[in-house]
Amino acid sequence: MGEDRQIGIGVLRDRVVTIVFTELDGNTIRVISLRKALKHERRQYEQFLQNQLG
């Protein structure tokens, strides 16, 4: 069976980025991909922030 992959969206150096990673154990993660977020991912991130901040 394959590994479980996680996707995250956040800010790195004033740019919204998308990261795909997997946890190898409790203390180690392996980055599979890190790239500039796509337009729909940026909108999703902005909506999340609006919901969190009110």
N, C-alpha and C. Protein backbone atom coordinates (compact mmCIF):
# COMPACT_ATOMS: atom_id res chain seq x y z
N MET A 1 0.84 -1.18 0.00
CA MET A 1 0.00 0.00 0.00
C MET A 1 0.89 1.24 0.00
N GLY A 2 0.42 2.35 -0.60
CA GLY A 2 1.19 3.58 -0.69
C GLY A 2 1.18 4.37 0.61
N GLU A 3 1.95 5.43 0.59
CA GLU A 3 2.06 6.28 1.78
C GLU A 3 0.89 7.27 1.86
N ASP A 4 0.58 7.71 3.06
CA ASP A 4 -0.43 8.76 3.25
C ASP A 4 0.22 10.10 2.97
N ARG A 5 -0.38 10.88 2.09
CA ARG A 5 0.15 12.20 1.76
C ARG A 5 -0.78 13.28 2.30
N GLN A 6 -0.17 14.35 2.77
CA GLN A 6 -0.89 15.49 3.31
C GLN A 6 -0.63 16.68 2.39
N ILE A 7 -1.61 17.58 2.31
CA ILE A 7 -1.46 18.80 1.52
C ILE A 7 -1.67 19.99 2.45
N GLY A 8 -0.79 20.96 2.35
CA GLY A 8 -0.92 22.17 3.15
C GLY A 8 -0.79 23.40 2.27
N ILE A 9 -1.44 24.48 2.68
CA ILE A 9 -1.34 25.76 1.99
C ILE A 9 -0.98 26.80 3.04
N GLY A 10 0.01 27.63 2.74
CA GLY A 10 0.43 28.65 3.69
C GLY A 10 1.28 29.70 3.00
N VAL A 11 1.90 30.54 3.80
CA VAL A 11 2.70 31.64 3.27
C VAL A 11 4.17 31.39 3.56
N LEU A 12 4.99 31.59 2.55
CA LEU A 12 6.44 31.48 2.66
C LEU A 12 7.04 32.66 1.92
N ARG A 13 7.75 33.51 2.63
CA ARG A 13 8.37 34.71 2.04
C ARG A 13 7.36 35.52 1.22
N ASP A 14 6.24 35.84 1.84
CA ASP A 14 5.20 36.68 1.24
C ASP A 14 4.55 36.07 0.00
N ARG A 15 4.63 34.77 -0.16
CA ARG A 15 4.01 34.08 -1.29
C ARG A 15 3.18 32.91 -0.77
N VAL A 16 1.97 32.75 -1.30
CA VAL A 16 1.14 31.61 -0.91
C VAL A 16 1.65 30.38 -1.66
N VAL A 17 1.95 29.33 -0.90
CA VAL A 17 2.52 28.12 -1.47
C VAL A 17 1.69 26.90 -1.07
N THR A 18 1.83 25.85 -1.86
CA THR A 18 1.21 24.56 -1.57
C THR A 18 2.32 23.54 -1.35
N ILE A 19 2.19 22.78 -0.27
CA ILE A 19 3.18 21.75 0.03
C ILE A 19 2.47 20.39 0.12
N VAL A 20 3.11 19.39 -0.44
CA VAL A 20 2.64 18.00 -0.31
C VAL A 20 3.75 17.27 0.45
N PHE A 21 3.35 16.56 1.51
CA PHE A 21 4.35 15.90 2.34
C PHE A 21 3.79 14.62 2.94
N THR A 22 4.69 13.81 3.48
CA THR A 22 4.29 12.60 4.19
C THR A 22 5.07 12.53 5.49
N GLU A 23 4.46 11.97 6.52
CA GLU A 23 5.14 11.76 7.80
C GLU A 23 5.78 10.38 7.78
N LEU A 24 7.09 10.34 8.02
CA LEU A 24 7.81 9.07 8.04
C LEU A 24 7.71 8.42 9.42
N ASP A 25 7.76 9.24 10.46
CA ASP A 25 7.55 8.79 11.83
C ASP A 25 7.11 10.01 12.63
N GLY A 26 7.06 9.90 13.92
CA GLY A 26 6.56 11.00 14.74
C GLY A 26 7.37 12.28 14.66
N ASN A 27 8.63 12.21 14.25
CA ASN A 27 9.50 13.39 14.25
C ASN A 27 10.03 13.79 12.89
N THR A 28 9.70 13.06 11.84
CA THR A 28 10.29 13.31 10.52
C THR A 28 9.20 13.41 9.46
N ILE A 29 9.31 14.46 8.64
CA ILE A 29 8.43 14.56 7.48
C ILE A 29 9.29 14.60 6.22
N ARG A 30 8.72 14.13 5.13
CA ARG A 30 9.42 14.17 3.83
C ARG A 30 8.58 15.04 2.90
N VAL A 31 9.22 16.09 2.38
CA VAL A 31 8.54 16.97 1.43
C VAL A 31 8.56 16.31 0.06
N ILE A 32 7.38 16.20 -0.52
CA ILE A 32 7.25 15.61 -1.85
C ILE A 32 7.23 16.72 -2.89
N SER A 33 6.54 17.82 -2.58
CA SER A 33 6.40 18.91 -3.53
C SER A 33 6.16 20.21 -2.77
N LEU A 34 6.75 21.30 -3.25
CA LEU A 34 6.50 22.64 -2.74
C LEU A 34 6.49 23.57 -3.94
N ARG A 35 5.37 24.29 -4.11
CA ARG A 35 5.23 25.15 -5.29
C ARG A 35 4.34 26.34 -4.97
N LYS A 36 4.39 27.33 -5.84
CA LYS A 36 3.49 28.46 -5.73
C LYS A 36 2.05 27.95 -5.86
N ALA A 37 1.17 28.42 -4.97
CA ALA A 37 -0.21 27.96 -4.97
C ALA A 37 -0.93 28.41 -6.25
N LEU A 38 -1.79 27.54 -6.74
CA LEU A 38 -2.63 27.87 -7.89
C LEU A 38 -3.72 28.84 -7.45
N LYS A 39 -4.35 29.47 -8.42
CA LYS A 39 -5.36 30.49 -8.13
C LYS A 39 -6.46 29.97 -7.21
N HIS A 40 -6.98 28.78 -7.50
CA HIS A 40 -8.06 28.25 -6.65
C HIS A 40 -7.56 27.89 -5.25
N GLU A 41 -6.28 27.52 -5.13
CA GLU A 41 -5.70 27.23 -3.82
C GLU A 41 -5.53 28.51 -3.02
N ARG A 42 -5.13 29.60 -3.68
CA ARG A 42 -5.01 30.89 -2.99
C ARG A 42 -6.36 31.36 -2.48
N ARG A 43 -7.40 31.20 -3.32
CA ARG A 43 -8.76 31.58 -2.89
C ARG A 43 -9.20 30.74 -1.69
N GLN A 44 -8.92 29.46 -1.73
CA GLN A 44 -9.27 28.57 -0.62
C GLN A 44 -8.55 29.02 0.66
N TYR A 45 -7.29 29.37 0.56
CA TYR A 45 -6.51 29.82 1.71
C TYR A 45 -7.07 31.14 2.25
N GLU A 46 -7.38 32.07 1.36
CA GLU A 46 -7.93 33.36 1.78
C GLU A 46 -9.28 33.17 2.47
N GLN A 47 -10.10 32.26 1.96
CA GLN A 47 -11.40 31.98 2.58
C GLN A 47 -11.21 31.38 3.98
N PHE A 48 -10.25 30.49 4.10
CA PHE A 48 -9.94 29.90 5.40
C PHE A 48 -9.55 30.99 6.40
N LEU A 49 -8.69 31.91 5.98
CA LEU A 49 -8.27 32.99 6.88
C LEU A 49 -9.44 33.86 7.28
N GLN A 50 -10.31 34.20 6.34
CA GLN A 50 -11.49 35.01 6.65
C GLN A 50 -12.37 34.31 7.67
N ASN A 51 -12.56 33.02 7.52
CA ASN A 51 -13.39 32.26 8.45
C ASN A 51 -12.76 32.20 9.84
N GLN A 52 -11.43 32.12 9.91
CA GLN A 52 -10.74 32.04 11.19
C GLN A 52 -10.70 33.38 11.91
N LEU A 53 -10.56 34.47 11.14
CA LEU A 53 -10.40 35.80 11.74
C LEU A 53 -11.73 36.52 11.93
N GLY A 54 -12.76 36.02 11.31
CA GLY A 54 -14.10 36.60 11.49
C GLY A 54 -14.43 37.64 10.53
